[in-house]
Amino acid sequence: MNHQPKTAKLKLEIQGFTAIVTNTNPPANTWDIESLTALRDLVRSLDKDKNIYALVLCGDGEKFFSAGADLKMFADGDKARARAVSKIFGEALETLSLFGGVSIAAIQGYAMGGGLEAALACDIRICEPQSQMALPEAAVGLLPCGGGTQNLPLLVGEAWAKRMILCGERVNAETALRIGLVEEIAEKGQARAKAIELATKVASQSPSSVRACKSLIQASRFNPPFHTLPRERELFVDLFDTADQKEGVTAFLEKRKPVWKNG
């Protein structure tokens, strides 16, 4: 399948079962309508490809994962443009969040505003020691519109979300790890490699199982356990209709590695 992004501001590389998506919009890898639209369409395309199990999102260079939205778009106070930008921000990052495989953000340098929101939309975040993360929109009279007010509290709790959003507090790599904003600090220059290494582990898992498990985990954001537990049992039984379930059990009994079909 041809997944090439519809803009030069995104670069795609496929390694095995992993898609590596790089924001290449210098100097700060900012997001705009063009790159967000391309990201939305690219993730939708990758999600339909049965040979893609994982997605790694990174920024070009060592200084910026992404500085967020290009504020020049809002300088004239045009509400129509603001509405269009917020809409595509939501569509792109919600599409990323709903990607059926495992998504990993490799944060090198600054992840600010919409840049951090893109990382929050991923399943897992790995940063580097020099990384800085913030949602500073209120400092310029705006607010996070790419899911930041909802996704950040899920990871770090309400109090730290308020510190970062309401007080504009910027956190470094050590603080981000301590509060649960990231799951790992890689050595400088190694976040991308670490993210790819983790993504390759996904290939040992049944893609059908991963997709089902991810949907259940994310359902816990909106539903109490007693609502989702029956669905958990239903999906367990549904997996018996997949080729992956048969292959997984057979491979285990035959003491060999499974060959997944993603279906």
C-alpha atoms as a PDB file:
ATOM      1  CA  MET A   1       0.000   0.000   0.000  1.00  0.00           C
ATOM      2  CA  ASN A   2       1.141   3.550  -0.751  1.00  0.00           C
ATOM      3  CA  HIS A   3       1.051   5.642   2.420  1.00  0.00           C
ATOM      4  CA  GLN A   4       3.251   8.547   1.354  1.00  0.00           C
ATOM      5  CA  PRO A   5       2.224  11.754   3.199  1.00  0.00           C
ATOM      6  CA  LYS A   6       0.536  14.471   1.158  1.00  0.00           C
ATOM      7  CA  THR A   7       3.048  17.057   2.341  1.00  0.00           C
ATOM      8  CA  ALA A   8       6.808  17.452   2.592  1.00  0.00           C
ATOM      9  CA  LYS A   9       6.270  18.459   6.238  1.00  0.00           C
ATOM     10  CA  LEU A  10       5.889  14.792   7.178  1.00  0.00           C
ATOM     11  CA  LYS A  11       8.284  11.968   6.381  1.00  0.00           C
ATOM     12  CA  LEU A  12       7.322   8.300   6.479  1.00  0.00           C
ATOM     13  CA  GLU A  13       9.640   5.326   6.878  1.00  0.00           C
ATOM     14  CA  ILE A  14       8.545   1.712   7.199  1.00  0.00           C
ATOM     15  CA  GLN A  15      10.739  -0.673   9.194  1.00  0.00           C
ATOM     16  CA  GLY A  16       9.255  -4.135   9.364  1.00  0.00           C
ATOM     17  CA  PHE A  17       5.829  -3.787  10.938  1.00  0.00           C
ATOM     18  CA  THR A  18       6.526  -0.260  12.236  1.00  0.00           C
ATOM     19  CA  ALA A  19       5.665   3.066  10.582  1.00  0.00           C
ATOM     20  CA  ILE A  20       7.982   5.922  11.597  1.00  0.00           C
ATOM     21  CA  VAL A  21       6.396   9.340  11.065  1.00  0.00           C
ATOM     22  CA  THR A  22       8.660  12.384  11.363  1.00  0.00           C
ATOM     23  CA  ASN A  23       7.479  15.989  11.606  1.00  0.00           C
ATOM     24  CA  THR A  24       9.885  17.879   9.319  1.00  0.00           C
ATOM     25  CA  ASN A  25       8.651  21.469   9.475  1.00  0.00           C
ATOM     26  CA  PRO A  26      11.684  23.619  10.435  1.00  0.00           C
ATOM     27  CA  PRO A  27      12.769  25.394  12.440  1.00  0.00           C
ATOM     28  CA  ALA A  28      10.556  24.126  15.292  1.00  0.00           C
ATOM     29  CA  ASN A  29       8.479  21.357  13.674  1.00  0.00           C
ATOM     30  CA  THR A  30       5.295  23.350  14.182  1.00  0.00           C
ATOM     31  CA  TRP A  31       1.896  22.014  13.138  1.00  0.00           C
ATOM     32  CA  ASP A  32      -0.340  23.777  10.629  1.00  0.00           C
ATOM     33  CA  ILE A  33      -3.476  22.881   8.692  1.00  0.00           C
ATOM     34  CA  GLU A  34      -1.454  21.245   5.914  1.00  0.00           C
ATOM     35  CA  SER A  35       0.609  18.979   8.160  1.00  0.00           C
ATOM     36  CA  LEU A  36      -2.282  18.121  10.486  1.00  0.00           C
ATOM     37  CA  THR A  37      -4.497  17.153   7.547  1.00  0.00           C
ATOM     38  CA  ALA A  38      -1.687  15.002   6.186  1.00  0.00           C
ATOM     39  CA  LEU A  39      -1.158  13.387   9.602  1.00  0.00           C
ATOM     40  CA  ARG A  40      -4.859  12.556   9.908  1.00  0.00           C
ATOM     41  CA  ASP A  41      -4.977  11.009   6.433  1.00  0.00           C
ATOM     42  CA  LEU A  42      -1.699   9.148   6.916  1.00  0.00           C
ATOM     43  CA  VAL A  43      -2.753   7.544  10.202  1.00  0.00           C
ATOM     44  CA  ARG A  44      -6.073   6.508   8.669  1.00  0.00           C
ATOM     45  CA  SER A  45      -4.193   4.897   5.790  1.00  0.00           C
ATOM     46  CA  LEU A  46      -1.729   3.115   8.075  1.00  0.00           C
ATOM     47  CA  ASP A  47      -4.567   1.858  10.235  1.00  0.00           C
ATOM     48  CA  LYS A  48      -6.030   0.027   7.234  1.00  0.00           C
ATOM     49  CA  ASP A  49      -2.736  -1.725   6.469  1.00  0.00           C
ATOM     50  CA  LYS A  50      -2.610  -5.185   8.055  1.00  0.00           C
ATOM     51  CA  ASN A  51       1.187  -5.134   7.865  1.00  0.00           C
ATOM     52  CA  ILE A  52       1.505  -2.115  10.193  1.00  0.00           C
ATOM     53  CA  TYR A  53       1.399  -3.009  13.881  1.00  0.00           C
ATOM     54  CA  ALA A  54       3.036   0.049  15.440  1.00  0.00           C
ATOM     55  CA  LEU A  55       3.623   3.746  14.776  1.00  0.00           C
ATOM     56  CA  VAL A  56       6.489   5.912  16.046  1.00  0.00           C
ATOM     57  CA  LEU A  57       6.024   9.702  15.978  1.00  0.00           C
ATOM     58  CA  CYS A  58       9.091  11.922  16.204  1.00  0.00           C
ATOM     59  CA  GLY A  59      10.410  15.332  15.234  1.00  0.00           C
ATOM     60  CA  ASP A  60      13.267  16.155  12.885  1.00  0.00           C
ATOM     61  CA  GLY A  61      16.492  17.036  14.709  1.00  0.00           C
ATOM     62  CA  GLU A  62      17.432  17.080  18.396  1.00  0.00           C
ATOM     63  CA  LYS A  63      15.991  20.429  19.514  1.00  0.00           C
ATOM     64  CA  PHE A  64      12.257  20.115  18.801  1.00  0.00           C
ATOM     65  CA  PHE A  65       9.776  17.266  18.894  1.00  0.00           C
ATOM     66  CA  SER A  66       7.287  20.010  18.043  1.00  0.00           C
ATOM     67  CA  ALA A  67       6.725  23.557  19.276  1.00  0.00           C
ATOM     68  CA  GLY A  68       2.998  23.152  18.589  1.00  0.00           C
ATOM     69  CA  ALA A  69       0.807  25.318  16.411  1.00  0.00           C
ATOM     70  CA  ASP A  70       2.276  28.078  14.290  1.00  0.00           C
ATOM     71  CA  LEU A  71       0.959  31.154  16.143  1.00  0.00           C
ATOM     72  CA  LYS A  72       1.188  33.246  12.988  1.00  0.00           C
ATOM     73  CA  MET A  73      -2.082  31.576  11.990  1.00  0.00           C
ATOM     74  CA  PHE A  74      -3.865  33.408  14.821  1.00  0.00           C
ATOM     75  CA  ALA A  75      -2.223  36.828  14.621  1.00  0.00           C
ATOM     76  CA  ASP A  76      -5.114  38.494  12.790  1.00  0.00           C
ATOM     77  CA  GLY A  77      -7.791  37.188  15.166  1.00  0.00           C
ATOM     78  CA  ASP A  78      -9.693  35.427  12.375  1.00  0.00           C
ATOM     79  CA  LYS A  79     -12.261  33.215  14.134  1.00  0.00           C
ATOM     80  CA  ALA A  80     -13.001  31.216  10.983  1.00  0.00           C
ATOM     81  CA  ARG A  81      -9.346  30.229  10.702  1.00  0.00           C
ATOM     82  CA  ALA A  82      -9.221  29.473  14.433  1.00  0.00           C
ATOM     83  CA  ARG A  83     -12.235  27.192  14.061  1.00  0.00           C
ATOM     84  CA  ALA A  84     -10.646  25.412  11.090  1.00  0.00           C
ATOM     85  CA  VAL A  85      -7.359  24.923  12.954  1.00  0.00           C
ATOM     86  CA  SER A  86      -9.019  23.612  16.102  1.00  0.00           C
ATOM     87  CA  LYS A  87     -11.156  21.251  14.037  1.00  0.00           C
ATOM     88  CA  ILE A  88      -8.228  19.702  12.199  1.00  0.00           C
ATOM     89  CA  PHE A  89      -6.158  19.553  15.394  1.00  0.00           C
ATOM     90  CA  GLY A  90      -8.943  17.542  16.980  1.00  0.00           C
ATOM     91  CA  GLU A  91      -9.430  15.300  13.954  1.00  0.00           C
ATOM     92  CA  ALA A  92      -5.723  14.575  13.509  1.00  0.00           C
ATOM     93  CA  LEU A  93      -4.918  13.832  17.134  1.00  0.00           C
ATOM     94  CA  GLU A  94      -8.116  11.892  17.809  1.00  0.00           C
ATOM     95  CA  THR A  95      -7.326   9.779  14.740  1.00  0.00           C
ATOM     96  CA  LEU A  96      -3.845   9.194  16.168  1.00  0.00           C
ATOM     97  CA  SER A  97      -5.319   8.237  19.532  1.00  0.00           C
ATOM     98  CA  LEU A  98      -7.677   5.740  17.872  1.00  0.00           C
ATOM     99  CA  PHE A  99      -4.952   4.093  15.771  1.00  0.00           C
ATOM    100  CA  GLY A 100      -5.530   0.375  16.269  1.00  0.00           C
ATOM    101  CA  GLY A 101      -1.875  -0.530  16.764  1.00  0.00           C
ATOM    102  CA  VAL A 102       0.582   0.796  19.334  1.00  0.00           C
ATOM    103  CA  SER A 103       1.701   4.425  18.933  1.00  0.00           C
ATOM    104  CA  ILE A 104       4.887   5.707  20.569  1.00  0.00           C
ATOM    105  CA  ALA A 105       6.075   9.312  20.766  1.00  0.00           C
ATOM    106  CA  ALA A 106       9.857   9.792  20.672  1.00  0.00           C
ATOM    107  CA  ILE A 107      10.310  13.208  22.304  1.00  0.00           C
ATOM    108  CA  GLN A 108      13.632  14.884  21.695  1.00  0.00           C
ATOM    109  CA  GLY A 109      13.944  18.479  22.858  1.00  0.00           C
ATOM    110  CA  TYR A 110      10.878  20.682  23.203  1.00  0.00           C
ATOM    111  CA  ALA A 111       7.302  19.355  23.101  1.00  0.00           C
ATOM    112  CA  MET A 112       5.185  22.448  23.565  1.00  0.00           C
ATOM    113  CA  GLY A 113       1.473  23.120  23.158  1.00  0.00           C
ATOM    114  CA  GLY A 114       0.104  21.141  20.243  1.00  0.00           C
ATOM    115  CA  GLY A 115       3.418  19.309  20.075  1.00  0.00           C
ATOM    116  CA  LEU A 116       2.875  17.874  23.538  1.00  0.00           C
ATOM    117  CA  GLU A 117      -0.761  17.182  22.653  1.00  0.00           C
ATOM    118  CA  ALA A 118       0.432  15.010  19.755  1.00  0.00           C
ATOM    119  CA  ALA A 119       2.604  13.057  22.192  1.00  0.00           C
ATOM    120  CA  LEU A 120      -0.348  12.765  24.594  1.00  0.00           C
ATOM    121  CA  ALA A 121      -2.411  11.236  21.786  1.00  0.00           C
ATOM    122  CA  CYS A 122       0.098   8.383  21.546  1.00  0.00           C
ATOM    123  CA  ASP A 123      -0.033   5.279  23.734  1.00  0.00           C
ATOM    124  CA  ILE A 124       3.513   5.593  25.081  1.00  0.00           C
ATOM    125  CA  ARG A 125       6.025   8.446  25.403  1.00  0.00           C
ATOM    126  CA  ILE A 126       9.837   8.202  25.520  1.00  0.00           C
ATOM    127  CA  CYS A 127      11.851  11.401  25.977  1.00  0.00           C
ATOM    128  CA  GLU A 128      15.488  12.478  26.188  1.00  0.00           C
ATOM    129  CA  PRO A 129      17.279  14.227  29.097  1.00  0.00           C
ATOM    130  CA  GLN A 130      17.151  17.657  27.428  1.00  0.00           C
ATOM    131  CA  SER A 131      13.400  17.443  26.764  1.00  0.00           C
ATOM    132  CA  GLN A 132      11.056  20.166  27.983  1.00  0.00           C
ATOM    133  CA  MET A 133       7.276  19.787  27.972  1.00  0.00           C
ATOM    134  CA  ALA A 134       4.503  22.332  28.474  1.00  0.00           C
ATOM    135  CA  LEU A 135       1.000  23.404  27.510  1.00  0.00           C
ATOM    136  CA  PRO A 136       1.535  27.195  27.565  1.00  0.00           C
ATOM    137  CA  GLU A 137      -1.499  28.240  25.494  1.00  0.00           C
ATOM    138  CA  ALA A 138      -3.074  30.338  28.260  1.00  0.00           C
ATOM    139  CA  ALA A 139       0.031  32.552  28.254  1.00  0.00           C
ATOM    140  CA  VAL A 140      -0.974  33.808  24.795  1.00  0.00           C
ATOM    141  CA  GLY A 141      -4.715  33.968  25.447  1.00  0.00           C
ATOM    142  CA  LEU A 142      -5.547  30.549  24.040  1.00  0.00           C
ATOM    143  CA  LEU A 143      -6.129  27.017  25.351  1.00  0.00           C
ATOM    144  CA  PRO A 144      -5.074  23.515  24.326  1.00  0.00           C
ATOM    145  CA  CYS A 145      -7.524  22.398  21.612  1.00  0.00           C
ATOM    146  CA  GLY A 146      -5.942  19.084  20.582  1.00  0.00           C
ATOM    147  CA  GLY A 147      -7.146  17.079  23.565  1.00  0.00           C
ATOM    148  CA  GLY A 148      -4.663  18.458  26.081  1.00  0.00           C
ATOM    149  CA  THR A 149      -7.197  19.384  28.763  1.00  0.00           C
ATOM    150  CA  GLN A 150      -8.563  15.833  28.655  1.00  0.00           C
ATOM    151  CA  ASN A 151      -5.539  13.636  27.980  1.00  0.00           C
ATOM    152  CA  LEU A 152      -3.058  15.281  30.343  1.00  0.00           C
ATOM    153  CA  PRO A 153      -5.104  14.679  33.540  1.00  0.00           C
ATOM    154  CA  LEU A 154      -5.490  11.009  32.580  1.00  0.00           C
ATOM    155  CA  LEU A 155      -1.717  10.620  32.754  1.00  0.00           C
ATOM    156  CA  VAL A 156      -0.562  12.996  35.486  1.00  0.00           C
ATOM    157  CA  GLY A 157      -3.698  13.632  37.553  1.00  0.00           C
ATOM    158  CA  GLU A 158      -5.769  16.770  37.930  1.00  0.00           C
ATOM    159  CA  ALA A 159      -3.354  18.732  40.124  1.00  0.00           C
ATOM    160  CA  TRP A 160      -0.342  18.424  37.816  1.00  0.00           C
ATOM    161  CA  ALA A 161      -2.554  19.076  34.798  1.00  0.00           C
ATOM    162  CA  LYS A 162      -3.662  22.306  36.473  1.00  0.00           C
ATOM    163  CA  ARG A 163      -0.072  23.250  37.258  1.00  0.00           C
ATOM    164  CA  MET A 164       0.915  22.796  33.639  1.00  0.00           C
ATOM    165  CA  ILE A 165      -2.179  24.300  31.984  1.00  0.00           C
ATOM    166  CA  LEU A 166      -3.402  26.914  34.475  1.00  0.00           C
ATOM    167  CA  CYS A 167      -0.013  27.977  35.862  1.00  0.00           C
ATOM    168  CA  GLY A 168       1.962  27.423  32.665  1.00  0.00           C
ATOM    169  CA  GLU A 169       4.507  25.222  34.410  1.00  0.00           C
ATOM    170  CA  ARG A 170       7.100  23.631  32.153  1.00  0.00           C
ATOM    171  CA  VAL A 171       8.449  20.225  33.158  1.00  0.00           C
ATOM    172  CA  ASN A 172      11.803  18.653  32.395  1.00  0.00           C
ATOM    173  CA  ALA A 173      12.476  15.000  31.621  1.00  0.00           C
ATOM    174  CA  GLU A 174      12.973  13.942  35.241  1.00  0.00           C
ATOM    175  CA  THR A 175       9.745  15.570  36.401  1.00  0.00           C
ATOM    176  CA  ALA A 176       7.861  14.183  33.413  1.00  0.00           C
ATOM    177  CA  LEU A 177       8.984  10.662  34.335  1.00  0.00           C
ATOM    178  CA  ARG A 178       8.131  11.157  38.000  1.00  0.00           C
ATOM    179  CA  ILE A 179       4.579  12.382  37.362  1.00  0.00           C
ATOM    180  CA  GLY A 180       3.819   9.806  34.660  1.00  0.00           C
ATOM    181  CA  LEU A 181       3.887  12.102  31.648  1.00  0.00           C
ATOM    182  CA  VAL A 182       6.530   9.890  30.011  1.00  0.00           C
ATOM    183  CA  GLU A 183       7.369   6.247  30.617  1.00  0.00           C
ATOM    184  CA  GLU A 184      11.104   6.312  29.903  1.00  0.00           C
ATOM    185  CA  ILE A 185      14.067   8.661  29.526  1.00  0.00           C
ATOM    186  CA  ALA A 186      16.465   7.544  26.822  1.00  0.00           C
ATOM    187  CA  GLU A 187      20.014   8.787  26.384  1.00  0.00           C
ATOM    188  CA  LYS A 188      20.403  11.948  24.334  1.00  0.00           C
ATOM    189  CA  GLY A 189      19.819  11.215  20.670  1.00  0.00           C
ATOM    190  CA  GLN A 190      18.354   7.769  21.414  1.00  0.00           C
ATOM    191  CA  ALA A 191      14.602   8.384  21.923  1.00  0.00           C
ATOM    192  CA  ARG A 192      13.808   7.462  18.324  1.00  0.00           C
ATOM    193  CA  ALA A 193      15.876   4.277  18.485  1.00  0.00           C
ATOM    194  CA  LYS A 194      14.335   3.318  21.836  1.00  0.00           C
ATOM    195  CA  ALA A 195      10.840   3.922  20.477  1.00  0.00           C
ATOM    196  CA  ILE A 196      11.554   1.750  17.429  1.00  0.00           C
ATOM    197  CA  GLU A 197      13.023  -0.950  19.677  1.00  0.00           C
ATOM    198  CA  LEU A 198       9.848  -0.949  21.778  1.00  0.00           C
ATOM    199  CA  ALA A 199       7.695  -0.935  18.640  1.00  0.00           C
ATOM    200  CA  THR A 200       9.424  -4.082  17.369  1.00  0.00           C
ATOM    201  CA  LYS A 201       8.240  -5.885  20.502  1.00  0.00           C
ATOM    202  CA  VAL A 202       4.683  -5.269  19.339  1.00  0.00           C
ATOM    203  CA  ALA A 203       5.341  -7.616  16.417  1.00  0.00           C
ATOM    204  CA  SER A 204       5.609 -10.533  18.857  1.00  0.00           C
ATOM    205  CA  GLN A 205       2.062  -9.841  20.015  1.00  0.00           C
ATOM    206  CA  SER A 206      -1.056 -10.814  18.095  1.00  0.00           C
ATOM    207  CA  PRO A 207      -2.191  -7.657  16.239  1.00  0.00           C
ATOM    208  CA  SER A 208      -5.804  -8.759  16.662  1.00  0.00           C
ATOM    209  CA  SER A 209      -5.306  -9.090  20.410  1.00  0.00           C
ATOM    210  CA  VAL A 210      -3.479  -5.770  20.651  1.00  0.00           C
ATOM    211  CA  ARG A 211      -6.281  -3.943  18.869  1.00  0.00           C
ATOM    212  CA  ALA A 212      -8.908  -5.506  21.137  1.00  0.00           C
ATOM    213  CA  CYS A 213      -6.884  -4.855  24.300  1.00  0.00           C
ATOM    214  CA  LYS A 214      -6.201  -1.247  23.360  1.00  0.00           C
ATOM    215  CA  SER A 215      -9.903  -0.582  22.773  1.00  0.00           C
ATOM    216  CA  LEU A 216     -10.694  -1.974  26.229  1.00  0.00           C
ATOM    217  CA  ILE A 217      -7.948  -0.001  27.964  1.00  0.00           C
ATOM    218  CA  GLN A 218      -9.076   3.237  26.341  1.00  0.00           C
ATOM    219  CA  ALA A 219     -12.713   2.477  27.152  1.00  0.00           C
ATOM    220  CA  SER A 220     -11.745   2.793  30.825  1.00  0.00           C
ATOM    221  CA  ARG A 221     -11.359   6.536  30.238  1.00  0.00           C
ATOM    222  CA  PHE A 222     -15.087   6.942  29.784  1.00  0.00           C
ATOM    223  CA  ASN A 223     -16.730   3.971  31.499  1.00  0.00           C
ATOM    224  CA  PRO A 224     -16.665   2.420  34.967  1.00  0.00           C
ATOM    225  CA  PRO A 225     -15.286  -1.136  35.069  1.00  0.00           C
ATOM    226  CA  PHE A 226     -18.678  -2.813  35.450  1.00  0.00           C
ATOM    227  CA  HIS A 227     -19.643  -1.377  32.048  1.00  0.00           C
ATOM    228  CA  THR A 228     -16.522  -2.600  30.281  1.00  0.00           C
ATOM    229  CA  LEU A 229     -15.961  -5.988  31.959  1.00  0.00           C
ATOM    230  CA  PRO A 230     -18.753  -7.701  29.973  1.00  0.00           C
ATOM    231  CA  ARG A 231     -17.214  -6.275  26.775  1.00  0.00           C
ATOM    232  CA  GLU A 232     -13.850  -7.690  27.827  1.00  0.00           C
ATOM    233  CA  ARG A 233     -15.344 -11.182  27.988  1.00  0.00           C
ATOM    234  CA  GLU A 234     -17.135 -10.695  24.657  1.00  0.00           C
ATOM    235  CA  LEU A 235     -13.930  -9.691  22.891  1.00  0.00           C
ATOM    236  CA  PHE A 236     -12.078 -12.634  24.434  1.00  0.00           C
ATOM    237  CA  VAL A 237     -14.555 -14.991  22.790  1.00  0.00           C
ATOM    238  CA  ASP A 238     -14.572 -12.965  19.544  1.00  0.00           C
ATOM    239  CA  LEU A 239     -10.838 -13.560  19.173  1.00  0.00           C
ATOM    240  CA  PHE A 240     -11.633 -17.241  18.575  1.00  0.00           C
ATOM    241  CA  ASP A 241     -12.959 -16.171  15.177  1.00  0.00           C
ATOM    242  CA  THR A 242      -9.527 -14.835  14.181  1.00  0.00           C
ATOM    243  CA  ALA A 243      -6.684 -16.613  12.413  1.00  0.00           C
ATOM    244  CA  ASP A 244      -4.318 -15.060  14.946  1.00  0.00           C
ATOM    245  CA  GLN A 245      -5.900 -16.904  17.867  1.00  0.00           C
ATOM    246  CA  LYS A 246      -5.528 -20.239  16.131  1.00  0.00           C
ATOM    247  CA  GLU A 247      -1.981 -19.439  15.060  1.00  0.00           C
ATOM    248  CA  GLY A 248      -0.971 -18.218  18.524  1.00  0.00           C
ATOM    249  CA  VAL A 249      -2.149 -21.313  20.354  1.00  0.00           C
ATOM    250  CA  THR A 250      -0.770 -23.663  17.691  1.00  0.00           C
ATOM    251  CA  ALA A 251       2.623 -21.944  17.657  1.00  0.00           C
ATOM    252  CA  PHE A 252       2.835 -22.133  21.451  1.00  0.00           C
ATOM    253  CA  LEU A 253       2.058 -25.840  21.466  1.00  0.00           C
ATOM    254  CA  GLU A 254       4.525 -26.440  18.630  1.00  0.00           C
ATOM    255  CA  LYS A 255       7.173 -24.354  20.445  1.00  0.00           C
ATOM    256  CA  ARG A 256       7.765 -21.948  17.547  1.00  0.00           C
ATOM    257  CA  LYS A 257       7.262 -18.260  16.889  1.00  0.00           C
ATOM    258  CA  PRO A 258       3.795 -17.382  15.571  1.00  0.00           C
ATOM    259  CA  VAL A 259       3.293 -15.880  12.131  1.00  0.00           C
ATOM    260  CA  TRP A 260       0.524 -13.348  12.556  1.00  0.00           C
ATOM    261  CA  LYS A 261      -2.125 -12.577   9.934  1.00  0.00           C
ATOM    262  CA  ASN A 262      -3.644  -9.560  11.709  1.00  0.00           C
ATOM    263  CA  GLY A 263      -7.117 -10.951  11.327  1.00  0.00           C
END
